[in-house]
Amino acid sequence: MEFGPHLRMPHSRAMGGGLFELRPRGREGIGRVFYCFVIGQRVVILHAFVKKTQETPEQELKIARKRLKEVQNG
């Protein structure tokens, strides 16, 4: 990523605790990709889905946060 953790709205949003949300749009609808950064500016994709509602479903966010903890704890 050229901008790394400095990419901002409308393309990316910080979700707190080192979790970020990428906000792509395509023919299939509005997608969401949760990701984090690890040492060396590597990006780890934690979870991705296509949104069906206006708000991000809590279950999708829970999956991403659980995976973030797994990455952070090694």
PDB file of N, CA and C in Angstrom:
ATOM      1  N   MET A   1       0.841  -1.171   0.000  1.00  0.00           N
ATOM      2  CA  MET A   1       0.000   0.000   0.000  1.00  0.00           C
ATOM      3  C   MET A   1       0.891   1.241   0.000  1.00  0.00           C
ATOM      4  N   GLU A   2       0.674   2.075  -0.933  1.00  0.00           N
ATOM      5  CA  GLU A   2       1.492   3.274  -1.056  1.00  0.00           C
ATOM      6  C   GLU A   2       1.354   4.179   0.166  1.00  0.00           C
ATOM      7  N   PHE A   3       0.159   4.289   0.731  1.00  0.00           N
ATOM      8  CA  PHE A   3      -0.076   5.194   1.845  1.00  0.00           C
ATOM      9  C   PHE A   3       0.025   4.491   3.192  1.00  0.00           C
ATOM     10  N   GLY A   4       0.116   3.153   3.193  1.00  0.00           N
ATOM     11  CA  GLY A   4       0.234   2.404   4.436  1.00  0.00           C
ATOM     12  C   GLY A   4      -0.865   2.763   5.411  1.00  0.00           C
ATOM     13  N   PRO A   5      -0.508   2.955   6.670  1.00  0.00           N
ATOM     14  CA  PRO A   5      -1.530   3.267   7.675  1.00  0.00           C
ATOM     15  C   PRO A   5      -2.090   4.681   7.550  1.00  0.00           C
ATOM     16  N   HIS A   6      -1.622   5.462   6.575  1.00  0.00           N
ATOM     17  CA  HIS A   6      -2.096   6.828   6.404  1.00  0.00           C
ATOM     18  C   HIS A   6      -3.255   6.934   5.414  1.00  0.00           C
ATOM     19  N   LEU A   7      -3.685   5.816   4.824  1.00  0.00           N
ATOM     20  CA  LEU A   7      -4.844   5.815   3.931  1.00  0.00           C
ATOM     21  C   LEU A   7      -6.085   6.117   4.770  1.00  0.00           C
ATOM     22  N   ARG A   8      -6.916   7.038   4.322  1.00  0.00           N
ATOM     23  CA  ARG A   8      -8.071   7.482   5.105  1.00  0.00           C
ATOM     24  C   ARG A   8      -9.372   7.400   4.302  1.00  0.00           C
ATOM     25  N   MET A   9     -10.445   7.885   4.912  1.00  0.00           N
ATOM     26  CA  MET A   9     -11.763   7.912   4.287  1.00  0.00           C
ATOM     27  C   MET A   9     -11.682   8.640   2.950  1.00  0.00           C
ATOM     28  N   PRO A  10     -12.406   8.262   1.970  1.00  0.00           N
ATOM     29  CA  PRO A  10     -13.447   7.236   2.000  1.00  0.00           C
ATOM     30  C   PRO A  10     -12.924   5.834   1.719  1.00  0.00           C
ATOM     31  N   HIS A  11     -11.616   5.666   1.557  1.00  0.00           N
ATOM     32  CA  HIS A  11     -11.050   4.370   1.169  1.00  0.00           C
ATOM     33  C   HIS A  11     -10.785   3.442   2.345  1.00  0.00           C
ATOM     34  N   SER A  12     -10.425   3.991   3.466  1.00  0.00           N
ATOM     35  CA  SER A  12     -10.078   3.190   4.629  1.00  0.00           C
ATOM     36  C   SER A  12     -10.486   3.929   5.891  1.00  0.00           C
ATOM     37  N   ARG A  13     -10.748   3.151   6.938  1.00  0.00           N
ATOM     38  CA  ARG A  13     -11.132   3.746   8.209  1.00  0.00           C
ATOM     39  C   ARG A  13     -10.480   2.960   9.341  1.00  0.00           C
ATOM     40  N   ALA A  14      -9.911   3.659  10.310  1.00  0.00           N
ATOM     41  CA  ALA A  14      -9.349   3.013  11.495  1.00  0.00           C
ATOM     42  C   ALA A  14     -10.504   2.593  12.401  1.00  0.00           C
ATOM     43  N   MET A  15     -10.465   1.348  12.856  1.00  0.00           N
ATOM     44  CA  MET A  15     -11.533   0.816  13.691  1.00  0.00           C
ATOM     45  C   MET A  15     -11.116   0.713  15.160  1.00  0.00           C
ATOM     46  N   GLY A  16      -9.863   1.080  15.455  1.00  0.00           N
ATOM     47  CA  GLY A  16      -9.365   1.027  16.824  1.00  0.00           C
ATOM     48  C   GLY A  16      -8.598  -0.246  17.113  1.00  0.00           C
ATOM     49  N   GLY A  17      -7.619  -0.136  17.983  1.00  0.00           N
ATOM     50  CA  GLY A  17      -6.852  -1.299  18.411  1.00  0.00           C
ATOM     51  C   GLY A  17      -5.976  -1.900  17.327  1.00  0.00           C
ATOM     52  N   GLY A  18      -5.655  -1.130  16.295  1.00  0.00           N
ATOM     53  CA  GLY A  18      -4.821  -1.647  15.214  1.00  0.00           C
ATOM     54  C   GLY A  18      -5.598  -2.292  14.081  1.00  0.00           C
ATOM     55  N   LEU A  19      -6.922  -2.244  14.157  1.00  0.00           N
ATOM     56  CA  LEU A  19      -7.786  -2.808  13.119  1.00  0.00           C
ATOM     57  C   LEU A  19      -8.200  -1.704  12.147  1.00  0.00           C
ATOM     58  N   PHE A  20      -8.136  -2.001  10.848  1.00  0.00           N
ATOM     59  CA  PHE A  20      -8.526  -1.061   9.809  1.00  0.00           C
ATOM     60  C   PHE A  20      -9.556  -1.710   8.891  1.00  0.00           C
ATOM     61  N   GLU A  21     -10.367  -0.874   8.251  1.00  0.00           N
ATOM     62  CA  GLU A  21     -11.405  -1.344   7.341  1.00  0.00           C
ATOM     63  C   GLU A  21     -11.167  -0.720   5.966  1.00  0.00           C
ATOM     64  N   LEU A  22     -10.978  -1.551   4.958  1.00  0.00           N
ATOM     65  CA  LEU A  22     -10.875  -1.102   3.581  1.00  0.00           C
ATOM     66  C   LEU A  22     -12.285  -1.106   3.018  1.00  0.00           C
ATOM     67  N   ARG A  23     -12.629  -0.099   2.203  1.00  0.00           N
ATOM     68  CA  ARG A  23     -14.015   0.112   1.787  1.00  0.00           C
ATOM     69  C   ARG A  23     -14.169   0.101   0.264  1.00  0.00           C
ATOM     70  N   PRO A  24     -13.974  -1.050  -0.379  1.00  0.00           N
ATOM     71  CA  PRO A  24     -14.095  -1.101  -1.844  1.00  0.00           C
ATOM     72  C   PRO A  24     -15.554  -1.168  -2.307  1.00  0.00           C
ATOM     73  N   ARG A  25     -15.778  -0.684  -3.523  1.00  0.00           N
ATOM     74  CA  ARG A  25     -17.086  -0.788  -4.176  1.00  0.00           C
ATOM     75  C   ARG A  25     -16.880  -1.487  -5.507  1.00  0.00           C
ATOM     76  N   GLY A  26     -17.847  -2.305  -5.890  1.00  0.00           N
ATOM     77  CA  GLY A  26     -17.755  -3.010  -7.156  1.00  0.00           C
ATOM     78  C   GLY A  26     -19.122  -3.409  -7.662  1.00  0.00           C
ATOM     79  N   ARG A  27     -19.149  -4.159  -8.736  1.00  0.00           N
ATOM     80  CA  ARG A  27     -20.429  -4.598  -9.320  1.00  0.00           C
ATOM     81  C   ARG A  27     -21.224  -5.472  -8.368  1.00  0.00           C
ATOM     82  N   GLU A  28     -20.519  -6.222  -7.514  1.00  0.00           N
ATOM     83  CA  GLU A  28     -21.191  -7.128  -6.584  1.00  0.00           C
ATOM     84  C   GLU A  28     -21.832  -6.386  -5.415  1.00  0.00           C
ATOM     85  N   GLY A  29     -21.434  -5.131  -5.219  1.00  0.00           N
ATOM     86  CA  GLY A  29     -21.969  -4.352  -4.115  1.00  0.00           C
ATOM     87  C   GLY A  29     -20.847  -3.675  -3.353  1.00  0.00           C
ATOM     88  N   ILE A  30     -21.119  -3.361  -2.118  1.00  0.00           N
ATOM     89  CA  ILE A  30     -20.149  -2.697  -1.264  1.00  0.00           C
ATOM     90  C   ILE A  30     -19.425  -3.752  -0.446  1.00  0.00           C
ATOM     91  N   GLY A  31     -18.126  -3.812  -0.601  1.00  0.00           N
ATOM     92  CA  GLY A  31     -17.334  -4.782   0.138  1.00  0.00           C
ATOM     93  C   GLY A  31     -16.683  -4.143   1.346  1.00  0.00           C
ATOM     94  N   ARG A  32     -16.278  -4.982   2.258  1.00  0.00           N
ATOM     95  CA  ARG A  32     -15.501  -4.543   3.408  1.00  0.00           C
ATOM     96  C   ARG A  32     -14.392  -5.572   3.629  1.00  0.00           C
ATOM     97  N   VAL A  33     -13.210  -5.057   3.901  1.00  0.00           N
ATOM     98  CA  VAL A  33     -12.058  -5.902   4.179  1.00  0.00           C
ATOM     99  C   VAL A  33     -11.422  -5.378   5.454  1.00  0.00           C
ATOM    100  N   PHE A  34     -11.334  -6.212   6.463  1.00  0.00           N
ATOM    101  CA  PHE A  34     -10.663  -5.834   7.698  1.00  0.00           C
ATOM    102  C   PHE A  34      -9.220  -6.291   7.607  1.00  0.00           C
ATOM    103  N   TYR A  35      -8.308  -5.408   8.017  1.00  0.00           N
ATOM    104  CA  TYR A  35      -6.886  -5.737   7.929  1.00  0.00           C
ATOM    105  C   TYR A  35      -6.123  -5.056   9.064  1.00  0.00           C
ATOM    106  N   CYS A  36      -4.866  -5.475   9.220  1.00  0.00           N
ATOM    107  CA  CYS A  36      -3.985  -4.850  10.200  1.00  0.00           C
ATOM    108  C   CYS A  36      -2.581  -4.787   9.617  1.00  0.00           C
ATOM    109  N   PHE A  37      -1.722  -4.058  10.292  1.00  0.00           N
ATOM    110  CA  PHE A  37      -0.320  -3.965   9.902  1.00  0.00           C
ATOM    111  C   PHE A  37       0.513  -4.703  10.935  1.00  0.00           C
ATOM    112  N   VAL A  38       1.545  -5.394  10.471  1.00  0.00           N
ATOM    113  CA  VAL A  38       2.483  -6.038  11.379  1.00  0.00           C
ATOM    114  C   VAL A  38       3.868  -5.466  11.111  1.00  0.00           C
ATOM    115  N   ILE A  39       4.830  -5.860  11.931  1.00  0.00           N
ATOM    116  CA  ILE A  39       6.194  -5.339  11.810  1.00  0.00           C
ATOM    117  C   ILE A  39       6.671  -5.430  10.366  1.00  0.00           C
ATOM    118  N   GLY A  40       7.316  -4.384   9.898  1.00  0.00           N
ATOM    119  CA  GLY A  40       7.818  -4.355   8.530  1.00  0.00           C
ATOM    120  C   GLY A  40       6.798  -3.828   7.536  1.00  0.00           C
ATOM    121  N   GLN A  41       5.726  -3.193   8.028  1.00  0.00           N
ATOM    122  CA  GLN A  41       4.690  -2.614   7.162  1.00  0.00           C
ATOM    123  C   GLN A  41       3.954  -3.671   6.337  1.00  0.00           C
ATOM    124  N   ARG A  42       3.985  -4.922   6.779  1.00  0.00           N
ATOM    125  CA  ARG A  42       3.205  -5.950   6.081  1.00  0.00           C
ATOM    126  C   ARG A  42       1.734  -5.807   6.440  1.00  0.00           C
ATOM    127  N   VAL A  43       0.890  -6.062   5.458  1.00  0.00           N
ATOM    128  CA  VAL A  43      -0.552  -5.992   5.655  1.00  0.00           C
ATOM    129  C   VAL A  43      -1.081  -7.416   5.798  1.00  0.00           C
ATOM    130  N   VAL A  44      -1.904  -7.640   6.816  1.00  0.00           N
ATOM    131  CA  VAL A  44      -2.540  -8.942   7.020  1.00  0.00           C
ATOM    132  C   VAL A  44      -4.040  -8.761   6.837  1.00  0.00           C
ATOM    133  N   ILE A  45      -4.600  -9.465   5.854  1.00  0.00           N
ATOM    134  CA  ILE A  45      -6.047  -9.444   5.622  1.00  0.00           C
ATOM    135  C   ILE A  45      -6.676 -10.395   6.644  1.00  0.00           C
ATOM    136  N   LEU A  46      -7.583  -9.870   7.441  1.00  0.00           N
ATOM    137  CA  LEU A  46      -8.195 -10.655   8.511  1.00  0.00           C
ATOM    138  C   LEU A  46      -9.550 -11.233   8.126  1.00  0.00           C
ATOM    139  N   HIS A  47     -10.337 -10.465   7.355  1.00  0.00           N
ATOM    140  CA  HIS A  47     -11.693 -10.914   7.021  1.00  0.00           C
ATOM    141  C   HIS A  47     -12.252 -10.010   5.922  1.00  0.00           C
ATOM    142  N   ALA A  48     -13.012 -10.584   5.013  1.00  0.00           N
ATOM    143  CA  ALA A  48     -13.632  -9.812   3.934  1.00  0.00           C
ATOM    144  C   ALA A  48     -15.048 -10.324   3.691  1.00  0.00           C
ATOM    145  N   PHE A  49     -15.938  -9.412   3.301  1.00  0.00           N
ATOM    146  CA  PHE A  49     -17.321  -9.785   3.016  1.00  0.00           C
ATOM    147  C   PHE A  49     -17.976  -8.695   2.178  1.00  0.00           C
ATOM    148  N   VAL A  50     -19.133  -9.002   1.586  1.00  0.00           N
ATOM    149  CA  VAL A  50     -19.928  -8.029   0.848  1.00  0.00           C
ATOM    150  C   VAL A  50     -21.071  -7.595   1.759  1.00  0.00           C
ATOM    151  N   LYS A  51     -21.210  -6.287   1.935  1.00  0.00           N
ATOM    152  CA  LYS A  51     -22.247  -5.754   2.821  1.00  0.00           C
ATOM    153  C   LYS A  51     -23.626  -5.882   2.186  1.00  0.00           C
ATOM    154  N   LYS A  52     -24.590  -6.220   3.016  1.00  0.00           N
ATOM    155  CA  LYS A  52     -25.988  -6.311   2.585  1.00  0.00           C
ATOM    156  C   LYS A  52     -26.835  -5.220   3.238  1.00  0.00           C
ATOM    157  N   THR A  53     -26.293  -4.597   4.292  1.00  0.00           N
ATOM    158  CA  THR A  53     -27.019  -3.565   5.021  1.00  0.00           C
ATOM    159  C   THR A  53     -26.144  -2.315   5.149  1.00  0.00           C
ATOM    160  N   GLN A  54     -26.726  -1.226   5.632  1.00  0.00           N
ATOM    161  CA  GLN A  54     -25.988   0.029   5.778  1.00  0.00           C
ATOM    162  C   GLN A  54     -24.866  -0.095   6.809  1.00  0.00           C
ATOM    163  N   GLU A  55     -25.165  -0.717   7.948  1.00  0.00           N
ATOM    164  CA  GLU A  55     -24.176  -0.864   9.010  1.00  0.00           C
ATOM    165  C   GLU A  55     -23.374  -2.144   8.824  1.00  0.00           C
ATOM    166  N   THR A  56     -22.151  -2.122   9.339  1.00  0.00           N
ATOM    167  CA  THR A  56     -21.326  -3.331   9.334  1.00  0.00           C
ATOM    168  C   THR A  56     -21.888  -4.282  10.385  1.00  0.00           C
ATOM    169  N   PRO A  57     -22.249  -5.516   9.996  1.00  0.00           N
ATOM    170  CA  PRO A  57     -22.797  -6.472  10.964  1.00  0.00           C
ATOM    171  C   PRO A  57     -21.802  -6.765  12.087  1.00  0.00           C
ATOM    172  N   GLU A  58     -22.287  -6.786  13.307  1.00  0.00           N
ATOM    173  CA  GLU A  58     -21.448  -7.020  14.484  1.00  0.00           C
ATOM    174  C   GLU A  58     -20.689  -8.340  14.395  1.00  0.00           C
ATOM    175  N   GLN A  59     -21.321  -9.377  13.838  1.00  0.00           N
ATOM    176  CA  GLN A  59     -20.672 -10.684  13.726  1.00  0.00           C
ATOM    177  C   GLN A  59     -19.427 -10.605  12.834  1.00  0.00           C
ATOM    178  N   GLU A  60     -19.489  -9.824  11.768  1.00  0.00           N
ATOM    179  CA  GLU A  60     -18.342  -9.673  10.873  1.00  0.00           C
ATOM    180  C   GLU A  60     -17.191  -8.971  11.597  1.00  0.00           C
ATOM    181  N   LEU A  61     -17.522  -7.981  12.398  1.00  0.00           N
ATOM    182  CA  LEU A  61     -16.513  -7.261  13.164  1.00  0.00           C
ATOM    183  C   LEU A  61     -15.895  -8.160  14.235  1.00  0.00           C
ATOM    184  N   LYS A  62     -16.702  -9.006  14.855  1.00  0.00           N
ATOM    185  CA  LYS A  62     -16.196  -9.941  15.868  1.00  0.00           C
ATOM    186  C   LYS A  62     -15.170 -10.901  15.263  1.00  0.00           C
ATOM    187  N   ILE A  63     -15.454 -11.397  14.076  1.00  0.00           N
ATOM    188  CA  ILE A  63     -14.525 -12.299  13.393  1.00  0.00           C
ATOM    189  C   ILE A  63     -13.186 -11.603  13.174  1.00  0.00           C
ATOM    190  N   ALA A  64     -13.236 -10.365  12.697  1.00  0.00           N
ATOM    191  CA  ALA A  64     -12.007  -9.609  12.426  1.00  0.00           C
ATOM    192  C   ALA A  64     -11.229  -9.354  13.712  1.00  0.00           C
ATOM    193  N   ARG A  65     -11.915  -8.969  14.778  1.00  0.00           N
ATOM    194  CA  ARG A  65     -11.222  -8.686  16.044  1.00  0.00           C
ATOM    195  C   ARG A  65     -10.594  -9.944  16.634  1.00  0.00           C
ATOM    196  N   LYS A  66     -11.263 -11.067  16.506  1.00  0.00           N
ATOM    197  CA  LYS A  66     -10.711 -12.342  16.990  1.00  0.00           C
ATOM    198  C   LYS A  66      -9.438 -12.685  16.221  1.00  0.00           C
ATOM    199  N   ARG A  67      -9.468 -12.534  14.921  1.00  0.00           N
ATOM    200  CA  ARG A  67      -8.293 -12.827  14.101  1.00  0.00           C
ATOM    201  C   ARG A  67      -7.163 -11.836  14.363  1.00  0.00           C
ATOM    202  N   LEU A  68      -7.506 -10.581  14.637  1.00  0.00           N
ATOM    203  CA  LEU A  68      -6.496  -9.584  14.979  1.00  0.00           C
ATOM    204  C   LEU A  68      -5.746 -10.012  16.242  1.00  0.00           C
ATOM    205  N   LYS A  69      -6.470 -10.470  17.256  1.00  0.00           N
ATOM    206  CA  LYS A  69      -5.825 -10.945  18.480  1.00  0.00           C
ATOM    207  C   LYS A  69      -4.896 -12.103  18.195  1.00  0.00           C
ATOM    208  N   GLU A  70      -5.309 -13.010  17.324  1.00  0.00           N
ATOM    209  CA  GLU A  70      -4.460 -14.156  16.975  1.00  0.00           C
ATOM    210  C   GLU A  70      -3.164 -13.689  16.307  1.00  0.00           C
ATOM    211  N   VAL A  71      -3.256 -12.701  15.436  1.00  0.00           N
ATOM    212  CA  VAL A  71      -2.067 -12.167  14.758  1.00  0.00           C
ATOM    213  C   VAL A  71      -1.166 -11.455  15.758  1.00  0.00           C
ATOM    214  N   GLN A  72      -1.751 -10.659  16.647  1.00  0.00           N
ATOM    215  CA  GLN A  72      -0.970  -9.886  17.615  1.00  0.00           C
ATOM    216  C   GLN A  72      -0.297 -10.779  18.649  1.00  0.00           C
ATOM    217  N   ASN A  73      -0.929 -11.893  18.990  1.00  0.00           N
ATOM    218  CA  ASN A  73      -0.383 -12.796  20.003  1.00  0.00           C
ATOM    219  C   ASN A  73       0.542 -13.856  19.424  1.00  0.00           C
ATOM    220  N   GLY A  74       0.696 -13.847  18.101  1.00  0.00           N
ATOM    221  CA  GLY A  74       1.609 -14.775  17.441  1.00  0.00           C
ATOM    222  C   GLY A  74       1.099 -16.165  17.428  1.00  0.00           C
TER     223      GLY A  74
END
